[in-house]
Amino acid sequence: MKPEDHEPAAPAGKPGRAAFIFIFITVTLDMLALGVIIPVLPKLVVQLTGGDAASGARMFGVFGTAWALMQLVFSPVLGSLSDRFGRRPVILLSNLGLGLDYVLMALAPTVGWLLVGRVISGITAASFSTAGAYIADVTPAEQRAARFGMLGAAFGLGFVLGPALGGMLGHIDPRLPFWCAAGLSLLNAAYGLFVLPESLPKERRAKFSWRKANPVGSLTLLRSHPELLGLASITFLSGVAHEVLPSTFVLYADYRFHWDARTVGWILAGVGVCSAVVQGGLVGVATRKLGEWRALSFGLFCGFLGFVIYAVAPTTWLFLFGLPVSALWGFAGPNAQGLMTRRVSASEQGQLQGAISSLRGIAGLLGPFLFTQTFASVVGPNHPIAWSGAPFMLAALLLCAALGTAWTLAPARSG
């Protein structure tokens, strides 16, 4: 396959901007629904395991692994189903299933039922790959990076607002956030039923194949062209590097700077705001000014530099200087994704987004172990406190490898 631009389908009614707005709202509400339960789910697990913190923590680890595995397995399945039956039914049924699942979790009488609910939510939330395919369908190739950046902003917005709302509701009743999440998802499904048009015409659809609709099979698409494989490598390395933040940030901040929970909360909110500004407002500008390849490389360099600052910063203020620098890493993901959509046909966009989600799922399984073990090996009385930044330095090296790959792949042209 040549690295040519594949123009999006032109479905009836030319959904374009209006359809993208719906997808943006859909992803925001879905992430808001996921974020709402973050403050209360661990406490509910502990409560349902008899109030024992250690047992609850072990069970909550099972919940996290189960959710990640469902994302890994079902993202390519839903992506391939959307290539066969269209994006609209997959998105609507996923929203409906997610809403009903939150009702199940709100009513769960035992930790076993709560785990069943979490598994189902991992399956239905895998429709994010279909949302990415929808954007590729309705967006001209040169505008996709900006649209994917705005989609990333929707993720960030949901995760900034969701936990705050969930914390307030959970203070009233620990199960109330689940009812709120159910209402958001069901409202989203009802809204889409009347507003969302189909983006993939029947003549552009592909046959469904279980051989391709699995984590291993879906990745074969990424080997169909050298540039596509290289961009997939960049996406994977970036995904692993990103896991340093959720897996070790709180541990590192407490060990090195002695921040309390409120300070950590404010810092994480700042990370979310910076990320939303970059992905929602600056990606399109950077892509137009620099071109996709240069914007991708610049983003990776800023991520590398930001992690180095995190690793070596001796003071809080210098650490904070790294926040806006690392936020510019947000240029990389949307441009890599936009470049990847150019190298597959319209009937393969769902499979491609599923494969990208699979890569992120694998990164999500490997990254936490890699960084927590690295952190554990360099802290303690026999190690200088500065060594505690080793996980961030390791993440910086991963982004350095991704940047080297981008420089090797980038053609001798601005785009």
Protein backbone atom coordinates (compact mmCIF):
# COMPACT_ATOMS: atom_id res chain seq x y z
CA MET A 1 0.00 0.00 0.00
CA LYS A 2 1.39 3.41 -0.90
CA PRO A 3 1.35 6.13 1.71
CA GLU A 4 -1.40 8.05 -0.02
CA ASP A 5 -4.12 10.13 1.52
CA HIS A 6 -7.44 8.31 1.75
CA GLU A 7 -10.16 10.93 1.64
CA PRO A 8 -13.07 10.28 3.99
CA ALA A 9 -16.34 8.89 2.88
CA ALA A 10 -19.08 11.32 1.91
CA PRO A 11 -22.12 9.93 3.68
CA ALA A 12 -25.58 11.18 3.08
CA GLY A 13 -26.15 14.55 4.62
CA LYS A 14 -22.39 15.22 4.81
CA PRO A 15 -22.30 15.07 8.61
CA GLY A 16 -18.87 16.74 8.90
CA ARG A 17 -18.77 19.33 11.66
CA ALA A 18 -22.17 18.54 13.19
CA ALA A 19 -21.31 14.84 13.41
CA PHE A 20 -17.92 15.62 14.91
CA ILE A 21 -19.60 17.77 17.56
CA PHE A 22 -21.77 14.79 18.49
CA ILE A 23 -18.74 12.50 18.70
CA PHE A 24 -16.97 15.11 20.84
CA ILE A 25 -19.98 15.28 23.17
CA THR A 26 -20.22 11.47 23.20
CA VAL A 27 -16.60 10.98 24.21
CA THR A 28 -16.79 13.79 26.79
CA LEU A 29 -19.89 12.29 28.40
CA ASP A 30 -18.43 8.77 28.28
CA MET A 31 -15.20 9.95 29.93
CA LEU A 32 -17.22 12.00 32.41
CA ALA A 33 -19.19 8.86 33.27
CA LEU A 34 -15.97 6.88 33.70
CA GLY A 35 -14.39 9.66 35.75
CA VAL A 36 -17.40 10.08 38.04
CA ILE A 37 -16.91 6.64 39.57
CA ILE A 38 -13.13 6.97 40.11
CA PRO A 39 -13.36 8.46 43.65
CA VAL A 40 -15.90 5.91 44.91
CA LEU A 41 -15.13 2.63 43.16
CA PRO A 42 -12.12 1.71 45.36
CA LYS A 43 -14.09 2.51 48.53
CA LEU A 44 -17.05 0.46 47.35
CA VAL A 45 -14.77 -2.49 46.58
CA VAL A 46 -13.31 -2.27 50.10
CA GLN A 47 -16.82 -2.03 51.57
CA LEU A 48 -18.01 -5.11 49.66
CA THR A 49 -14.93 -7.12 50.68
CA GLY A 50 -15.74 -6.68 54.36
CA GLY A 51 -13.97 -3.41 55.03
CA ASP A 52 -10.47 -4.88 54.98
CA ALA A 53 -8.16 -2.41 53.22
CA ALA A 54 -5.57 -4.99 52.14
CA SER A 55 -8.15 -7.38 50.66
CA GLY A 56 -9.92 -4.47 49.01
CA ALA A 57 -6.68 -3.20 47.48
CA ARG A 58 -5.86 -6.64 46.04
CA MET A 59 -9.37 -6.96 44.61
CA PHE A 60 -9.22 -3.47 43.15
CA GLY A 61 -6.05 -4.50 41.34
CA VAL A 62 -8.06 -7.34 39.78
CA PHE A 63 -10.68 -4.78 38.71
CA GLY A 64 -8.04 -2.67 36.97
CA THR A 65 -6.49 -5.61 35.16
CA ALA A 66 -9.89 -6.95 34.07
CA TRP A 67 -10.93 -3.58 32.65
CA ALA A 68 -7.65 -3.18 30.75
CA LEU A 69 -7.91 -6.70 29.32
CA MET A 70 -11.46 -6.07 28.08
CA GLN A 71 -10.25 -2.91 26.37
CA LEU A 72 -7.40 -4.83 24.78
CA VAL A 73 -9.61 -7.69 23.55
CA PHE A 74 -12.73 -5.85 22.46
CA SER A 75 -11.39 -2.62 20.92
CA PRO A 76 -10.44 -4.42 17.67
CA VAL A 77 -13.70 -6.40 17.75
CA LEU A 78 -15.87 -3.28 17.93
CA GLY A 79 -13.66 -1.49 15.41
CA SER A 80 -14.06 -4.34 12.91
CA LEU A 81 -17.81 -4.57 13.58
CA SER A 82 -18.07 -0.87 12.74
CA ASP A 83 -16.24 -1.53 9.45
CA ARG A 84 -18.89 -4.16 8.67
CA PHE A 85 -22.13 -2.67 10.00
CA GLY A 86 -21.32 1.03 10.23
CA ARG A 87 -20.21 3.31 13.03
CA ARG A 88 -23.65 4.48 14.22
CA PRO A 89 -25.06 1.16 15.54
CA VAL A 90 -21.82 0.27 17.35
CA ILE A 91 -21.59 3.66 19.07
CA LEU A 92 -25.27 3.74 20.05
CA LEU A 93 -25.35 0.17 21.35
CA SER A 94 -22.14 0.78 23.29
CA ASN A 95 -23.64 3.86 24.94
CA LEU A 96 -26.80 1.93 25.79
CA GLY A 97 -24.82 -1.01 27.16
CA LEU A 98 -22.60 1.27 29.23
CA GLY A 99 -25.65 2.99 30.75
CA LEU A 100 -27.33 -0.29 31.69
CA ASP A 101 -24.05 -1.58 33.08
CA TYR A 102 -23.74 1.39 35.44
CA VAL A 103 -27.24 0.58 36.70
CA LEU A 104 -25.99 -2.96 37.42
CA MET A 105 -22.99 -1.58 39.30
CA ALA A 106 -25.18 0.83 41.29
CA LEU A 107 -27.31 -2.11 42.44
CA ALA A 108 -24.46 -4.66 42.85
CA PRO A 109 -24.98 -6.52 46.17
CA THR A 110 -21.58 -8.26 46.16
CA VAL A 111 -18.06 -7.60 44.93
CA GLY A 112 -18.55 -10.37 42.35
CA TRP A 113 -21.46 -8.54 40.73
CA LEU A 114 -19.46 -5.31 40.85
CA LEU A 115 -16.61 -7.07 39.02
CA VAL A 116 -19.05 -8.33 36.37
CA GLY A 117 -20.17 -4.76 35.89
CA ARG A 118 -16.59 -3.54 35.55
CA VAL A 119 -15.86 -6.21 32.95
CA ILE A 120 -18.92 -5.16 30.93
CA SER A 121 -17.93 -1.50 31.15
CA GLY A 122 -14.49 -2.44 29.81
CA ILE A 123 -16.19 -4.03 26.81
CA THR A 124 -18.66 -1.25 26.07
CA ALA A 125 -16.14 1.55 26.65
CA ALA A 126 -14.00 -0.05 23.92
CA SER A 127 -16.19 1.84 21.43
CA PHE A 128 -13.67 4.70 21.60
CA SER A 129 -11.92 3.02 18.67
CA THR A 130 -15.17 3.40 16.68
CA ALA A 131 -15.33 7.08 17.58
CA GLY A 132 -11.85 7.49 16.11
CA ALA A 133 -12.92 5.71 12.93
CA TYR A 134 -15.97 7.98 12.68
CA ILE A 135 -13.75 11.05 12.78
CA ALA A 136 -11.55 9.59 10.03
CA ASP A 137 -14.70 9.00 7.94
CA VAL A 138 -16.04 12.55 8.10
CA THR A 139 -12.83 14.59 8.21
CA PRO A 140 -10.49 15.51 5.33
CA ALA A 141 -7.07 13.96 5.81
CA GLU A 142 -5.31 17.29 6.42
CA GLN A 143 -7.70 18.15 9.28
CA ARG A 144 -7.65 14.83 11.11
CA ALA A 145 -4.76 15.63 13.46
CA ALA A 146 -6.63 18.69 14.77
CA ARG A 147 -9.83 16.66 15.22
CA PHE A 148 -7.99 13.84 17.00
CA GLY A 149 -6.43 16.50 19.21
CA MET A 150 -9.88 17.81 20.13
CA LEU A 151 -10.93 14.23 20.86
CA GLY A 152 -7.97 14.01 23.23
CA ALA A 153 -9.18 17.22 24.86
CA ALA A 154 -12.58 15.56 25.37
CA PHE A 155 -10.81 12.71 27.20
CA GLY A 156 -9.00 15.20 29.40
CA LEU A 157 -12.11 17.28 30.06
CA GLY A 158 -14.06 14.23 31.17
CA PHE A 159 -11.30 13.10 33.51
CA VAL A 160 -10.85 16.56 35.03
CA LEU A 161 -14.56 17.17 35.68
CA GLY A 162 -15.64 13.57 36.35
CA PRO A 163 -13.69 12.86 39.55
CA ALA A 164 -14.66 16.27 40.98
CA LEU A 165 -18.35 15.55 40.37
CA GLY A 166 -17.98 11.98 41.61
CA GLY A 167 -16.33 13.16 44.81
CA MET A 168 -19.23 15.50 45.58
CA LEU A 169 -21.88 12.88 44.80
CA GLY A 170 -20.00 10.14 46.63
CA HIS A 171 -19.98 12.28 49.76
CA ILE A 172 -23.79 11.99 49.71
CA ASP A 173 -23.95 8.28 48.84
CA PRO A 174 -21.17 6.02 47.47
CA ARG A 175 -23.54 4.55 44.89
CA LEU A 176 -24.91 7.87 43.65
CA PRO A 177 -22.04 8.45 41.16
CA PHE A 178 -22.97 5.16 39.44
CA TRP A 179 -26.54 6.38 38.95
CA CYS A 180 -25.15 9.64 37.59
CA ALA A 181 -22.88 7.76 35.18
CA ALA A 182 -25.83 5.62 34.05
CA GLY A 183 -27.91 8.72 33.38
CA LEU A 184 -25.14 10.35 31.36
CA SER A 185 -24.62 7.27 29.19
CA LEU A 186 -28.32 6.63 28.58
CA LEU A 187 -28.88 10.31 27.79
CA ASN A 188 -26.00 10.09 25.35
CA ALA A 189 -27.56 7.06 23.63
CA ALA A 190 -30.94 8.78 23.35
CA TYR A 191 -29.32 11.94 21.99
CA GLY A 192 -27.37 9.98 19.38
CA LEU A 193 -30.43 8.01 18.31
CA PHE A 194 -31.98 11.21 16.95
CA VAL A 195 -28.88 13.21 15.99
CA LEU A 196 -26.04 10.92 14.87
CA PRO A 197 -25.93 10.09 11.13
CA GLU A 198 -24.06 7.13 9.70
CA SER A 199 -20.60 8.00 8.40
CA LEU A 200 -19.63 4.85 6.49
CA PRO A 201 -21.65 4.15 3.30
CA LYS A 202 -22.53 0.53 2.59
CA GLU A 203 -20.35 0.40 -0.51
CA ARG A 204 -17.27 1.20 1.60
CA ARG A 205 -17.85 -1.46 4.25
CA ALA A 206 -15.71 -4.56 4.71
CA LYS A 207 -16.53 -8.13 5.61
CA PHE A 208 -16.14 -9.05 9.25
CA SER A 209 -13.33 -11.46 10.01
CA TRP A 210 -12.49 -12.93 13.41
CA ARG A 211 -8.96 -13.40 12.12
CA LYS A 212 -8.58 -9.61 12.04
CA ALA A 213 -10.93 -8.75 14.93
CA ASN A 214 -8.62 -9.82 17.75
CA PRO A 215 -5.65 -8.12 19.41
CA VAL A 216 -3.08 -10.19 17.51
CA GLY A 217 -4.91 -10.26 14.18
CA SER A 218 -5.71 -6.54 14.25
CA LEU A 219 -2.02 -5.75 14.57
CA THR A 220 -1.29 -7.43 11.22
CA LEU A 221 -2.76 -4.34 9.55
CA LEU A 222 0.04 -2.30 11.08
CA ARG A 223 2.60 -4.37 9.16
CA SER A 224 1.01 -3.57 5.79
CA HIS A 225 3.33 -0.61 5.18
CA PRO A 226 6.73 0.33 6.67
CA GLU A 227 5.60 3.83 7.66
CA LEU A 228 2.45 2.46 9.29
CA LEU A 229 4.54 0.02 11.32
CA GLY A 230 6.91 2.80 12.32
CA LEU A 231 4.07 5.07 13.40
CA ALA A 232 2.61 2.16 15.38
CA SER A 233 5.99 1.77 17.13
CA ILE A 234 5.92 5.47 18.03
CA THR A 235 2.39 5.10 19.38
CA PHE A 236 3.36 2.08 21.47
CA LEU A 237 6.52 3.67 22.92
CA SER A 238 4.55 6.83 23.75
CA GLY A 239 1.82 4.75 25.36
CA VAL A 240 4.28 2.93 27.61
CA ALA A 241 5.99 6.21 28.54
CA HIS A 242 2.66 7.81 29.46
CA GLU A 243 2.03 5.11 32.07
CA VAL A 244 4.76 6.61 34.27
CA LEU A 245 2.31 9.35 35.31
CA PRO A 246 -0.61 7.29 36.71
CA SER A 247 1.67 4.56 38.10
CA THR A 248 4.39 6.53 39.92
CA PHE A 249 3.53 10.24 40.00
CA VAL A 250 1.86 10.20 43.43
CA LEU A 251 4.58 7.96 44.91
CA TYR A 252 7.34 10.14 43.48
CA ALA A 253 5.72 13.41 44.60
CA ASP A 254 5.34 12.16 48.15
CA TYR A 255 8.83 10.66 48.36
CA ARG A 256 10.77 13.54 46.82
CA PHE A 257 8.71 16.67 47.53
CA HIS A 258 6.45 15.54 50.41
CA TRP A 259 3.33 16.93 48.74
CA ASP A 260 0.04 16.30 50.49
CA ALA A 261 -3.08 14.95 48.75
CA ARG A 262 -4.48 18.42 48.11
CA THR A 263 -1.28 19.57 46.40
CA VAL A 264 -1.17 16.45 44.26
CA GLY A 265 -4.80 17.04 43.29
CA TRP A 266 -4.07 20.61 42.20
CA ILE A 267 -1.01 19.53 40.23
CA LEU A 268 -2.96 16.80 38.43
CA ALA A 269 -5.72 19.29 37.65
CA GLY A 270 -3.03 21.56 36.19
CA VAL A 271 -1.78 18.69 34.04
CA GLY A 272 -5.31 18.13 32.76
CA VAL A 273 -5.87 21.80 31.97
CA CYS A 274 -2.54 22.15 30.13
CA SER A 275 -3.28 18.99 28.15
CA ALA A 276 -6.78 20.17 27.22
CA VAL A 277 -5.45 23.55 26.04
CA VAL A 278 -2.77 21.94 23.87
CA GLN A 279 -4.90 19.20 22.34
CA GLY A 280 -8.10 21.21 22.03
CA GLY A 281 -6.64 24.48 20.78
CA LEU A 282 -3.03 24.21 19.63
CA VAL A 283 -2.72 20.93 17.73
CA GLY A 284 -4.48 22.27 14.64
CA VAL A 285 -2.33 25.42 14.60
CA ALA A 286 0.90 23.46 15.05
CA THR A 287 -0.05 21.01 12.32
CA ARG A 288 -0.84 23.80 9.85
CA LYS A 289 2.37 25.68 10.63
CA LEU A 290 4.79 22.78 10.92
CA GLY A 291 3.19 19.93 9.01
CA GLU A 292 2.26 16.59 10.54
CA TRP A 293 5.73 15.04 10.71
CA ARG A 294 7.43 18.08 12.24
CA ALA A 295 4.59 18.61 14.72
CA LEU A 296 4.87 14.94 15.68
CA SER A 297 8.64 15.22 16.21
CA PHE A 298 8.34 18.49 18.14
CA GLY A 299 5.73 16.94 20.42
CA LEU A 300 7.92 13.92 21.15
CA PHE A 301 10.89 16.18 21.92
CA CYS A 302 8.81 18.25 24.35
CA GLY A 303 7.61 15.06 26.07
CA PHE A 304 11.23 13.89 26.35
CA LEU A 305 12.33 17.25 27.77
CA GLY A 306 9.39 17.41 30.18
CA PHE A 307 10.16 13.98 31.64
CA VAL A 308 13.84 14.90 32.05
CA ILE A 309 12.76 18.00 34.00
CA TYR A 310 10.48 15.86 36.19
CA ALA A 311 13.33 13.42 36.83
CA VAL A 312 16.01 15.91 37.85
CA ALA A 313 14.00 18.82 39.33
CA PRO A 314 15.37 19.56 42.82
CA THR A 315 12.50 21.88 43.77
CA THR A 316 8.75 22.11 43.35
CA TRP A 317 8.99 25.22 41.20
CA LEU A 318 11.35 23.62 38.72
CA PHE A 319 9.10 20.57 38.60
CA LEU A 320 6.13 22.82 37.81
CA PHE A 321 8.11 24.34 34.94
CA GLY A 322 7.96 20.91 33.33
CA LEU A 323 4.15 20.91 33.19
CA PRO A 324 3.65 23.21 30.18
CA VAL A 325 6.71 21.72 28.47
CA SER A 326 5.44 18.15 28.75
CA ALA A 327 1.93 19.27 27.79
CA LEU A 328 3.26 20.08 24.31
CA TRP A 329 3.82 16.33 23.96
CA GLY A 330 0.12 16.44 23.10
CA PHE A 331 1.10 17.41 19.54
CA ALA A 332 2.48 13.92 18.96
CA GLY A 333 -0.49 11.58 19.42
CA PRO A 334 -3.04 13.29 17.15
CA ASN A 335 -0.51 13.77 14.35
CA ALA A 336 0.67 10.16 14.56
CA GLN A 337 -2.95 9.01 14.44
CA GLY A 338 -3.75 11.34 11.55
CA LEU A 339 -0.76 10.06 9.57
CA MET A 340 -1.82 6.47 10.22
CA THR A 341 -5.34 7.07 8.88
CA ARG A 342 -3.82 8.23 5.58
CA ARG A 343 -2.28 4.82 5.03
CA VAL A 344 -5.38 2.64 5.17
CA SER A 345 -8.61 2.62 3.18
CA ALA A 346 -12.02 3.83 4.36
CA SER A 347 -13.12 0.23 4.99
CA GLU A 348 -10.14 -0.35 7.32
CA GLN A 349 -10.46 2.70 9.56
CA GLY A 350 -12.30 0.80 12.28
CA GLN A 351 -9.73 -2.00 12.23
CA LEU A 352 -6.94 0.58 12.40
CA GLN A 353 -8.46 2.35 15.42
CA GLY A 354 -8.96 -1.01 17.10
CA ALA A 355 -5.32 -1.86 16.48
CA ILE A 356 -4.24 1.48 17.96
CA SER A 357 -6.40 0.80 21.02
CA SER A 358 -4.81 -2.66 21.32
CA LEU A 359 -1.35 -1.09 21.31
CA ARG A 360 -2.43 1.29 24.05
CA GLY A 361 -3.94 -1.61 25.98
CA ILE A 362 -0.68 -3.58 25.84
CA ALA A 363 1.19 -0.45 26.92
CA GLY A 364 -1.28 -0.07 29.78
CA LEU A 365 -0.52 -3.59 30.97
CA LEU A 366 3.28 -3.31 30.70
CA GLY A 367 3.90 0.27 31.79
CA PRO A 368 2.68 0.18 35.41
CA PHE A 369 4.81 -2.86 36.24
CA LEU A 370 7.87 -1.42 34.49
CA PHE A 371 7.76 1.95 36.25
CA THR A 372 6.67 0.85 39.71
CA GLN A 373 9.43 -1.77 39.80
CA THR A 374 11.95 0.81 38.60
CA PHE A 375 10.83 3.21 41.34
CA ALA A 376 10.97 0.49 43.99
CA SER A 377 14.53 -0.42 43.00
CA VAL A 378 15.95 3.11 43.36
CA VAL A 379 14.34 4.40 46.58
CA GLY A 380 15.29 3.66 50.13
CA PRO A 381 17.97 4.53 52.66
CA ASN A 382 20.84 3.25 50.51
CA HIS A 383 20.01 5.37 47.46
CA PRO A 384 20.31 9.14 46.90
CA ILE A 385 16.89 10.80 46.76
CA ALA A 386 17.66 12.13 43.28
CA TRP A 387 17.57 8.56 41.97
CA SER A 388 13.85 8.49 42.63
CA GLY A 389 13.41 10.26 39.28
CA ALA A 390 14.61 7.12 37.46
CA PRO A 391 11.09 6.14 36.23
CA PHE A 392 10.72 9.53 34.53
CA MET A 393 14.18 9.25 33.00
CA LEU A 394 13.24 5.81 31.67
CA ALA A 395 10.07 7.31 30.16
CA ALA A 396 12.22 10.04 28.60
CA LEU A 397 14.44 7.40 26.98
CA LEU A 398 11.38 5.68 25.52
CA LEU A 399 10.28 8.98 23.97
CA CYS A 400 13.83 9.51 22.70
CA ALA A 401 13.54 6.17 20.88
CA ALA A 402 10.15 7.25 19.50
CA LEU A 403 11.66 10.55 18.34
CA GLY A 404 14.48 8.71 16.60
CA THR A 405 11.92 6.55 14.81
CA ALA A 406 10.00 9.64 13.70
CA TRP A 407 13.14 11.28 12.33
CA THR A 408 13.98 8.10 10.42
CA LEU A 409 10.50 7.88 8.90
CA ALA A 410 9.83 11.54 8.16
CA PRO A 411 9.98 12.28 4.45
CA ALA A 412 12.02 15.21 3.20
CA ARG A 413 8.98 17.50 3.09
CA SER A 414 7.08 19.67 5.52
CA GLY A 415 3.98 17.45 5.79
